[in-house]
Amino acid sequence: MPKLPKAYTEFARAYPEHAEAYEALSGICREAGPLSERDRALVKLGIAIGARHEGAVHSHTRKAVDLGLTPEEIRHAALLALTLVGFPNMMAALTWMDDLLPSKPRPKKSAAKKPK
């Protein structure tokens, strides 16, 4: 299991009953439906991006890497957010992901034709 953030471990130490209840609720939500662990990781990453929570994007990027998702798959989650949460929010998410991902993507050739 990856190391938990210091803020969370301090919260759990100060409020053990709250942390236990939070973790129990998390488990109930995780097991409530048919999504695979991989799908749940991408959904949670998308929610973190949409909410613009840097710490959550970091956390869920780490979890996605631990599950074997590639940097391209993880960055794709941010690209999908472009039309929903806007360019600045998408760019913020990409920079937060790049704090953790091993390599930056290479530009792809666009399918769109350039105007003459």
N, C-alpha and C. Protein backbone atom coordinates (compact mmCIF):
# COMPACT_ATOMS: atom_id res chain seq x y z
N MET A 1 0.85 -1.18 0.00
CA MET A 1 0.00 0.00 0.00
C MET A 1 0.89 1.24 0.00
N PRO A 2 0.58 2.23 -0.87
CA PRO A 2 1.39 3.43 -0.92
C PRO A 2 1.29 4.22 0.37
N LYS A 3 2.30 5.03 0.62
CA LYS A 3 2.32 5.87 1.81
C LYS A 3 1.20 6.90 1.72
N LEU A 4 0.45 7.03 2.78
CA LEU A 4 -0.64 8.00 2.82
C LEU A 4 -0.08 9.40 3.05
N PRO A 5 -0.75 10.43 2.53
CA PRO A 5 -0.28 11.80 2.75
C PRO A 5 -0.25 12.13 4.25
N LYS A 6 0.72 12.95 4.61
CA LYS A 6 0.90 13.33 6.00
C LYS A 6 -0.36 13.98 6.58
N ALA A 7 -1.01 14.82 5.81
CA ALA A 7 -2.23 15.48 6.30
C ALA A 7 -3.29 14.46 6.68
N TYR A 8 -3.42 13.39 5.87
CA TYR A 8 -4.43 12.38 6.17
C TYR A 8 -4.04 11.57 7.42
N THR A 9 -2.78 11.19 7.52
CA THR A 9 -2.37 10.41 8.69
C THR A 9 -2.52 11.22 9.97
N GLU A 10 -2.27 12.52 9.89
CA GLU A 10 -2.47 13.37 11.07
C GLU A 10 -3.96 13.50 11.40
N PHE A 11 -4.79 13.62 10.37
CA PHE A 11 -6.24 13.65 10.58
C PHE A 11 -6.70 12.35 11.25
N ALA A 12 -6.24 11.21 10.73
CA ALA A 12 -6.66 9.91 11.27
C ALA A 12 -6.19 9.72 12.71
N ARG A 13 -5.02 10.26 13.02
CA ARG A 13 -4.52 10.15 14.40
C ARG A 13 -5.34 11.03 15.33
N ALA A 14 -5.70 12.22 14.87
CA ALA A 14 -6.46 13.16 15.70
C ALA A 14 -7.93 12.77 15.82
N TYR A 15 -8.47 12.18 14.75
CA TYR A 15 -9.90 11.84 14.71
C TYR A 15 -10.09 10.41 14.21
N PRO A 16 -9.68 9.44 15.00
CA PRO A 16 -9.71 8.05 14.52
C PRO A 16 -11.11 7.55 14.16
N GLU A 17 -12.12 7.93 14.89
CA GLU A 17 -13.48 7.47 14.58
C GLU A 17 -13.96 8.05 13.25
N HIS A 18 -13.64 9.29 12.99
CA HIS A 18 -14.02 9.92 11.73
C HIS A 18 -13.30 9.24 10.56
N ALA A 19 -12.01 9.00 10.73
CA ALA A 19 -11.23 8.36 9.67
C ALA A 19 -11.76 6.95 9.39
N GLU A 20 -12.10 6.23 10.44
CA GLU A 20 -12.63 4.88 10.28
C GLU A 20 -13.97 4.91 9.53
N ALA A 21 -14.83 5.86 9.89
CA ALA A 21 -16.12 5.99 9.21
C ALA A 21 -15.93 6.38 7.75
N TYR A 22 -14.99 7.28 7.50
CA TYR A 22 -14.71 7.71 6.13
C TYR A 22 -14.21 6.54 5.30
N GLU A 23 -13.30 5.76 5.84
CA GLU A 23 -12.76 4.61 5.12
C GLU A 23 -13.83 3.53 4.90
N ALA A 24 -14.72 3.35 5.87
CA ALA A 24 -15.81 2.39 5.69
C ALA A 24 -16.76 2.84 4.58
N LEU A 25 -17.11 4.13 4.57
CA LEU A 25 -17.97 4.65 3.52
C LEU A 25 -17.31 4.52 2.16
N SER A 26 -16.03 4.80 2.10
CA SER A 26 -15.28 4.66 0.85
C SER A 26 -15.35 3.23 0.33
N GLY A 27 -15.19 2.27 1.22
CA GLY A 27 -15.27 0.85 0.83
C GLY A 27 -16.66 0.47 0.34
N ILE A 28 -17.68 0.95 1.01
CA ILE A 28 -19.06 0.67 0.60
C ILE A 28 -19.32 1.23 -0.80
N CYS A 29 -18.89 2.47 -1.03
CA CYS A 29 -19.09 3.09 -2.35
C CYS A 29 -18.29 2.35 -3.43
N ARG A 30 -17.08 1.95 -3.09
CA ARG A 30 -16.22 1.24 -4.05
C ARG A 30 -16.85 -0.06 -4.50
N GLU A 31 -17.47 -0.78 -3.61
CA GLU A 31 -18.03 -2.10 -3.92
C GLU A 31 -19.49 -2.06 -4.32
N ALA A 32 -20.08 -0.88 -4.44
CA ALA A 32 -21.52 -0.76 -4.70
C ALA A 32 -21.93 -1.05 -6.13
N GLY A 33 -21.00 -1.10 -7.05
CA GLY A 33 -21.39 -1.26 -8.44
C GLY A 33 -20.44 -2.13 -9.24
N PRO A 34 -20.69 -2.19 -10.54
CA PRO A 34 -19.97 -3.13 -11.39
C PRO A 34 -18.64 -2.62 -11.95
N LEU A 35 -18.27 -1.37 -11.67
CA LEU A 35 -17.04 -0.85 -12.27
C LEU A 35 -15.81 -1.59 -11.77
N SER A 36 -14.89 -1.81 -12.68
CA SER A 36 -13.63 -2.45 -12.31
C SER A 36 -12.77 -1.47 -11.52
N GLU A 37 -11.74 -1.98 -10.89
CA GLU A 37 -10.82 -1.13 -10.13
C GLU A 37 -10.19 -0.08 -11.05
N ARG A 38 -9.84 -0.48 -12.26
CA ARG A 38 -9.26 0.42 -13.25
C ARG A 38 -10.25 1.52 -13.62
N ASP A 39 -11.50 1.14 -13.89
CA ASP A 39 -12.52 2.13 -14.24
C ASP A 39 -12.79 3.09 -13.08
N ARG A 40 -12.84 2.55 -11.87
CA ARG A 40 -13.05 3.41 -10.70
C ARG A 40 -11.91 4.41 -10.56
N ALA A 41 -10.70 3.97 -10.83
CA ALA A 41 -9.55 4.88 -10.74
C ALA A 41 -9.68 6.03 -11.73
N LEU A 42 -10.10 5.74 -12.94
CA LEU A 42 -10.26 6.79 -13.95
C LEU A 42 -11.42 7.72 -13.61
N VAL A 43 -12.52 7.17 -13.10
CA VAL A 43 -13.65 8.00 -12.70
C VAL A 43 -13.22 8.95 -11.59
N LYS A 44 -12.54 8.43 -10.58
CA LYS A 44 -12.11 9.27 -9.47
C LYS A 44 -11.11 10.33 -9.93
N LEU A 45 -10.24 9.97 -10.85
CA LEU A 45 -9.31 10.94 -11.40
C LEU A 45 -10.08 12.05 -12.12
N GLY A 46 -11.08 11.68 -12.90
CA GLY A 46 -11.90 12.67 -13.60
C GLY A 46 -12.63 13.59 -12.64
N ILE A 47 -13.14 13.04 -11.56
CA ILE A 47 -13.83 13.87 -10.56
C ILE A 47 -12.85 14.83 -9.91
N ALA A 48 -11.66 14.35 -9.59
CA ALA A 48 -10.64 15.21 -8.99
C ALA A 48 -10.25 16.35 -9.93
N ILE A 49 -10.16 16.04 -11.23
CA ILE A 49 -9.84 17.06 -12.22
C ILE A 49 -10.96 18.09 -12.27
N GLY A 50 -12.20 17.62 -12.36
CA GLY A 50 -13.36 18.52 -12.43
C GLY A 50 -13.50 19.40 -11.21
N ALA A 51 -13.16 18.86 -10.05
CA ALA A 51 -13.24 19.63 -8.81
C ALA A 51 -12.03 20.54 -8.62
N ARG A 52 -11.03 20.36 -9.47
CA ARG A 52 -9.77 21.11 -9.43
C ARG A 52 -9.09 21.01 -8.08
N HIS A 53 -8.99 19.78 -7.60
CA HIS A 53 -8.31 19.49 -6.34
C HIS A 53 -6.93 18.90 -6.64
N GLU A 54 -5.91 19.72 -6.50
CA GLU A 54 -4.55 19.30 -6.85
C GLU A 54 -4.13 18.06 -6.07
N GLY A 55 -4.37 18.04 -4.77
CA GLY A 55 -3.98 16.89 -3.97
C GLY A 55 -4.68 15.62 -4.42
N ALA A 56 -5.95 15.73 -4.77
CA ALA A 56 -6.69 14.56 -5.23
C ALA A 56 -6.20 14.10 -6.60
N VAL A 57 -5.85 15.05 -7.48
CA VAL A 57 -5.30 14.66 -8.78
C VAL A 57 -3.97 13.94 -8.57
N HIS A 58 -3.14 14.45 -7.67
CA HIS A 58 -1.89 13.75 -7.36
C HIS A 58 -2.17 12.34 -6.83
N SER A 59 -3.06 12.25 -5.87
CA SER A 59 -3.36 10.96 -5.24
C SER A 59 -3.90 9.96 -6.25
N HIS A 60 -4.85 10.39 -7.08
CA HIS A 60 -5.47 9.46 -8.02
C HIS A 60 -4.58 9.18 -9.22
N THR A 61 -3.66 10.08 -9.53
CA THR A 61 -2.66 9.79 -10.55
C THR A 61 -1.74 8.68 -10.04
N ARG A 62 -1.29 8.80 -8.78
CA ARG A 62 -0.45 7.75 -8.18
C ARG A 62 -1.17 6.41 -8.18
N LYS A 63 -2.44 6.42 -7.79
CA LYS A 63 -3.21 5.17 -7.75
C LYS A 63 -3.36 4.57 -9.14
N ALA A 64 -3.59 5.42 -10.14
CA ALA A 64 -3.72 4.93 -11.52
C ALA A 64 -2.41 4.30 -11.99
N VAL A 65 -1.29 4.91 -11.68
CA VAL A 65 0.02 4.35 -12.03
C VAL A 65 0.21 3.01 -11.33
N ASP A 66 -0.13 2.95 -10.05
CA ASP A 66 0.00 1.70 -9.29
C ASP A 66 -0.86 0.58 -9.88
N LEU A 67 -1.97 0.94 -10.52
CA LEU A 67 -2.85 -0.05 -11.15
C LEU A 67 -2.37 -0.46 -12.54
N GLY A 68 -1.31 0.20 -13.02
CA GLY A 68 -0.76 -0.16 -14.32
C GLY A 68 -1.23 0.67 -15.48
N LEU A 69 -1.96 1.74 -15.23
CA LEU A 69 -2.36 2.62 -16.32
C LEU A 69 -1.14 3.35 -16.85
N THR A 70 -1.10 3.57 -18.14
CA THR A 70 0.04 4.23 -18.75
C THR A 70 -0.09 5.75 -18.59
N PRO A 71 1.03 6.47 -18.70
CA PRO A 71 0.93 7.93 -18.67
C PRO A 71 -0.02 8.48 -19.74
N GLU A 72 -0.05 7.85 -20.91
CA GLU A 72 -0.94 8.30 -21.97
C GLU A 72 -2.40 8.12 -21.57
N GLU A 73 -2.74 7.00 -20.94
CA GLU A 73 -4.12 6.77 -20.48
C GLU A 73 -4.51 7.79 -19.41
N ILE A 74 -3.59 8.06 -18.52
CA ILE A 74 -3.87 8.99 -17.42
C ILE A 74 -4.04 10.41 -17.96
N ARG A 75 -3.16 10.82 -18.84
CA ARG A 75 -3.28 12.16 -19.44
C ARG A 75 -4.56 12.28 -20.28
N HIS A 76 -4.99 11.18 -20.87
CA HIS A 76 -6.22 11.20 -21.66
C HIS A 76 -7.40 11.63 -20.78
N ALA A 77 -7.40 11.22 -19.52
CA ALA A 77 -8.46 11.63 -18.59
C ALA A 77 -8.50 13.16 -18.49
N ALA A 78 -7.34 13.79 -18.45
CA ALA A 78 -7.30 15.26 -18.39
C ALA A 78 -7.78 15.86 -19.70
N LEU A 79 -7.35 15.30 -20.82
CA LEU A 79 -7.77 15.83 -22.12
C LEU A 79 -9.28 15.77 -22.29
N LEU A 80 -9.90 14.71 -21.77
CA LEU A 80 -11.35 14.59 -21.86
C LEU A 80 -12.07 15.69 -21.07
N ALA A 81 -11.40 16.25 -20.09
CA ALA A 81 -12.00 17.30 -19.28
C ALA A 81 -12.03 18.65 -19.99
N LEU A 82 -11.28 18.80 -21.06
CA LEU A 82 -11.15 20.09 -21.74
C LEU A 82 -12.50 20.73 -22.05
N THR A 83 -13.40 20.00 -22.68
CA THR A 83 -14.68 20.59 -23.10
C THR A 83 -15.70 20.68 -21.96
N LEU A 84 -15.39 20.07 -20.83
CA LEU A 84 -16.32 20.12 -19.69
C LEU A 84 -15.92 21.16 -18.65
N VAL A 85 -14.63 21.28 -18.37
CA VAL A 85 -14.20 22.19 -17.31
C VAL A 85 -13.31 23.32 -17.81
N GLY A 86 -13.00 23.32 -19.11
CA GLY A 86 -12.25 24.42 -19.69
C GLY A 86 -10.76 24.20 -19.78
N PHE A 87 -10.15 24.99 -20.65
CA PHE A 87 -8.72 24.86 -20.92
C PHE A 87 -7.84 25.10 -19.69
N PRO A 88 -8.06 26.18 -18.91
CA PRO A 88 -7.18 26.39 -17.75
C PRO A 88 -7.24 25.25 -16.74
N ASN A 89 -8.43 24.72 -16.50
CA ASN A 89 -8.55 23.61 -15.55
C ASN A 89 -7.90 22.34 -16.08
N MET A 90 -8.06 22.09 -17.37
CA MET A 90 -7.42 20.92 -17.98
C MET A 90 -5.90 21.06 -17.91
N MET A 91 -5.40 22.25 -18.20
CA MET A 91 -3.95 22.47 -18.16
C MET A 91 -3.41 22.31 -16.73
N ALA A 92 -4.16 22.79 -15.76
CA ALA A 92 -3.74 22.63 -14.37
C ALA A 92 -3.63 21.14 -14.04
N ALA A 93 -4.62 20.36 -14.43
CA ALA A 93 -4.60 18.92 -14.16
C ALA A 93 -3.40 18.26 -14.84
N LEU A 94 -3.11 18.63 -16.08
CA LEU A 94 -1.95 18.05 -16.76
C LEU A 94 -0.65 18.38 -16.03
N THR A 95 -0.52 19.60 -15.54
CA THR A 95 0.71 19.94 -14.83
C THR A 95 0.81 19.17 -13.51
N TRP A 96 -0.32 18.97 -12.84
CA TRP A 96 -0.29 18.20 -11.60
C TRP A 96 0.07 16.74 -11.88
N MET A 97 -0.46 16.20 -12.97
CA MET A 97 -0.12 14.83 -13.35
C MET A 97 1.36 14.72 -13.69
N ASP A 98 1.87 15.74 -14.40
CA ASP A 98 3.27 15.71 -14.80
C ASP A 98 4.22 15.81 -13.61
N ASP A 99 3.71 16.24 -12.45
CA ASP A 99 4.54 16.19 -11.24
C ASP A 99 4.93 14.76 -10.91
N LEU A 100 4.10 13.79 -11.38
CA LEU A 100 4.27 12.39 -10.99
C LEU A 100 4.58 11.44 -12.13
N LEU A 101 4.18 11.80 -13.34
CA LEU A 101 4.35 10.88 -14.46
C LEU A 101 5.76 10.96 -15.03
N PRO A 102 6.25 9.83 -15.54
CA PRO A 102 7.66 9.75 -15.92
C PRO A 102 8.09 10.56 -17.13
N SER A 103 7.21 10.77 -18.09
CA SER A 103 7.66 11.49 -19.27
C SER A 103 6.53 12.32 -19.83
N LYS A 104 6.92 13.40 -20.46
CA LYS A 104 5.93 14.28 -21.09
C LYS A 104 5.54 13.69 -22.44
N PRO A 105 4.30 13.91 -22.87
CA PRO A 105 3.87 13.35 -24.15
C PRO A 105 4.51 14.08 -25.33
N ARG A 106 4.69 13.35 -26.40
CA ARG A 106 5.14 13.96 -27.64
C ARG A 106 3.93 14.44 -28.41
N PRO A 107 4.05 15.61 -29.05
CA PRO A 107 2.90 16.10 -29.83
C PRO A 107 2.52 15.12 -30.93
N LYS A 108 1.23 14.95 -31.13
CA LYS A 108 0.73 14.09 -32.20
C LYS A 108 0.32 14.97 -33.36
N LYS A 109 0.43 14.42 -34.56
CA LYS A 109 -0.02 15.16 -35.73
C LYS A 109 -1.53 15.23 -35.69
N SER A 110 -2.04 16.41 -35.93
CA SER A 110 -3.47 16.61 -35.90
C SER A 110 -4.12 16.05 -37.15
N ALA A 111 -5.31 15.51 -36.99
CA ALA A 111 -6.08 15.01 -38.12
C ALA A 111 -6.73 16.17 -38.87
N ALA A 112 -6.86 17.32 -38.18
CA ALA A 112 -7.49 18.47 -38.82
C ALA A 112 -6.54 19.09 -39.83
N LYS A 113 -7.11 19.56 -40.92
CA LYS A 113 -6.30 20.21 -41.95
C LYS A 113 -6.12 21.68 -41.61
N LYS A 114 -4.91 22.17 -41.90
CA LYS A 114 -4.63 23.58 -41.68
C LYS A 114 -5.25 24.40 -42.80
N PRO A 115 -5.81 25.57 -42.45
CA PRO A 115 -6.38 26.42 -43.50
C PRO A 115 -5.28 26.96 -44.42
N LYS A 116 -5.63 27.15 -45.68
CA LYS A 116 -4.65 27.67 -46.65
C LYS A 116 -4.65 29.17 -46.67
